[in-house]
């Protein structure tokens, strides 16, 4: 039986602007488009830890070492909602 990996290292495929937004931009990891703070300075080809949806991370992770990435459905963004 093979185990499914709940977290793995992935490359940022693209970073692009969000129209009308001064402080955030979008980045793409796999098929996910993620809203990030411009101040985080995420760049194409950066490495990121991709954690499967609904995974529970252990308590005690140092918050200063983590960048919170929020997943959004790009269809919602492109339809102006």
C-alpha atoms as a PDB file:
ATOM      1  CA  UNK A   1       0.000   0.000   0.000  1.00  0.00           C
ATOM      2  CA  UNK A   2       1.428   3.400  -0.914  1.00  0.00           C
ATOM      3  CA  UNK A   3       1.226   6.356   1.439  1.00  0.00           C
ATOM      4  CA  UNK A   4      -0.056   9.709   0.287  1.00  0.00           C
ATOM      5  CA  UNK A   5       2.260  12.586   1.122  1.00  0.00           C
ATOM      6  CA  UNK A   6       0.368  15.347   2.930  1.00  0.00           C
ATOM      7  CA  UNK A   7       3.178  17.877   2.503  1.00  0.00           C
ATOM      8  CA  UNK A   8       5.826  18.268  -0.165  1.00  0.00           C
ATOM      9  CA  UNK A   9       8.197  20.829  -1.618  1.00  0.00           C
ATOM     10  CA  UNK A  10       6.848  22.583  -4.717  1.00  0.00           C
ATOM     11  CA  UNK A  11       8.138  25.368  -6.957  1.00  0.00           C
ATOM     12  CA  UNK A  12       6.279  28.667  -7.419  1.00  0.00           C
ATOM     13  CA  UNK A  13       5.293  28.563 -11.086  1.00  0.00           C
ATOM     14  CA  UNK A  14       4.251  32.196 -11.526  1.00  0.00           C
ATOM     15  CA  UNK A  15       3.712  35.463  -9.668  1.00  0.00           C
ATOM     16  CA  UNK A  16       1.361  38.066 -11.113  1.00  0.00           C
ATOM     17  CA  UNK A  17      -0.430  41.264 -10.052  1.00  0.00           C
ATOM     18  CA  UNK A  18      -3.989  41.577  -8.833  1.00  0.00           C
ATOM     19  CA  UNK A  19      -5.778  44.437 -10.565  1.00  0.00           C
ATOM     20  CA  UNK A  20      -6.627  47.224  -8.122  1.00  0.00           C
ATOM     21  CA  UNK A  21      -4.607  45.708  -5.253  1.00  0.00           C
ATOM     22  CA  UNK A  22      -1.603  47.572  -3.859  1.00  0.00           C
ATOM     23  CA  UNK A  23      -0.462  45.202  -1.122  1.00  0.00           C
ATOM     24  CA  UNK A  24      -1.086  41.710  -2.516  1.00  0.00           C
ATOM     25  CA  UNK A  25      -0.339  39.643  -5.612  1.00  0.00           C
ATOM     26  CA  UNK A  26      -1.128  36.135  -6.795  1.00  0.00           C
ATOM     27  CA  UNK A  27       1.263  33.231  -7.069  1.00  0.00           C
ATOM     28  CA  UNK A  28       0.702  29.818  -8.594  1.00  0.00           C
ATOM     29  CA  UNK A  29       1.770  26.549  -7.001  1.00  0.00           C
ATOM     30  CA  UNK A  30       0.613  23.503  -8.969  1.00  0.00           C
ATOM     31  CA  UNK A  31      -2.943  24.333 -10.106  1.00  0.00           C
ATOM     32  CA  UNK A  32      -3.577  26.576  -7.085  1.00  0.00           C
ATOM     33  CA  UNK A  33      -3.586  30.362  -7.298  1.00  0.00           C
ATOM     34  CA  UNK A  34      -2.669  31.854  -3.940  1.00  0.00           C
ATOM     35  CA  UNK A  35      -3.013  35.399  -2.644  1.00  0.00           C
ATOM     36  CA  UNK A  36       0.216  36.601  -0.989  1.00  0.00           C
ATOM     37  CA  UNK A  37       1.442  39.836   0.562  1.00  0.00           C
ATOM     38  CA  UNK A  38       3.827  41.753  -1.699  1.00  0.00           C
ATOM     39  CA  UNK A  39       5.978  42.307   1.389  1.00  0.00           C
ATOM     40  CA  UNK A  40       6.704  38.545   1.457  1.00  0.00           C
ATOM     41  CA  UNK A  41       8.589  39.031  -1.858  1.00  0.00           C
ATOM     42  CA  UNK A  42       7.538  35.654  -3.298  1.00  0.00           C
ATOM     43  CA  UNK A  43       9.224  35.066  -6.675  1.00  0.00           C
ATOM     44  CA  UNK A  44       8.858  32.614  -9.547  1.00  0.00           C
ATOM     45  CA  UNK A  45      10.911  29.452  -8.908  1.00  0.00           C
ATOM     46  CA  UNK A  46      10.931  29.983  -5.108  1.00  0.00           C
ATOM     47  CA  UNK A  47      10.404  26.765  -3.188  1.00  0.00           C
ATOM     48  CA  UNK A  48       7.396  26.349  -0.947  1.00  0.00           C
ATOM     49  CA  UNK A  49       5.967  23.612   1.228  1.00  0.00           C
ATOM     50  CA  UNK A  50       2.625  22.559  -0.221  1.00  0.00           C
ATOM     51  CA  UNK A  51       0.303  21.090   2.425  1.00  0.00           C
ATOM     52  CA  UNK A  52      -2.742  19.134   1.246  1.00  0.00           C
ATOM     53  CA  UNK A  53      -6.104  20.718   2.006  1.00  0.00           C
ATOM     54  CA  UNK A  54      -7.701  19.652   5.314  1.00  0.00           C
ATOM     55  CA  UNK A  55      -4.315  18.615   6.732  1.00  0.00           C
ATOM     56  CA  UNK A  56      -3.733  19.394  10.390  1.00  0.00           C
ATOM     57  CA  UNK A  57      -0.343  20.897  11.171  1.00  0.00           C
ATOM     58  CA  UNK A  58       1.264  20.088  14.518  1.00  0.00           C
ATOM     59  CA  UNK A  59       1.102  22.603  17.352  1.00  0.00           C
ATOM     60  CA  UNK A  60       4.308  24.383  18.212  1.00  0.00           C
ATOM     61  CA  UNK A  61       5.496  25.335  14.720  1.00  0.00           C
ATOM     62  CA  UNK A  62       7.425  28.610  14.976  1.00  0.00           C
ATOM     63  CA  UNK A  63       5.093  31.229  13.472  1.00  0.00           C
ATOM     64  CA  UNK A  64       8.011  33.468  12.452  1.00  0.00           C
ATOM     65  CA  UNK A  65       9.185  30.780  10.009  1.00  0.00           C
ATOM     66  CA  UNK A  66       5.828  30.421   8.264  1.00  0.00           C
ATOM     67  CA  UNK A  67       4.282  32.499   5.501  1.00  0.00           C
ATOM     68  CA  UNK A  68       0.513  32.212   5.456  1.00  0.00           C
ATOM     69  CA  UNK A  69      -0.727  31.555   1.944  1.00  0.00           C
ATOM     70  CA  UNK A  70      -4.461  31.760   1.310  1.00  0.00           C
ATOM     71  CA  UNK A  71      -6.008  29.607  -1.400  1.00  0.00           C
ATOM     72  CA  UNK A  72      -8.648  31.170  -3.629  1.00  0.00           C
ATOM     73  CA  UNK A  73     -10.659  29.815  -6.496  1.00  0.00           C
ATOM     74  CA  UNK A  74      -9.495  31.856  -9.470  1.00  0.00           C
ATOM     75  CA  UNK A  75     -12.957  31.615 -11.074  1.00  0.00           C
ATOM     76  CA  UNK A  76     -14.333  33.638  -8.164  1.00  0.00           C
ATOM     77  CA  UNK A  77     -11.624  36.277  -8.562  1.00  0.00           C
ATOM     78  CA  UNK A  78     -11.991  36.597 -12.315  1.00  0.00           C
ATOM     79  CA  UNK A  79     -15.763  36.960 -12.062  1.00  0.00           C
ATOM     80  CA  UNK A  80     -15.336  39.942  -9.760  1.00  0.00           C
ATOM     81  CA  UNK A  81     -16.861  38.435  -6.630  1.00  0.00           C
END
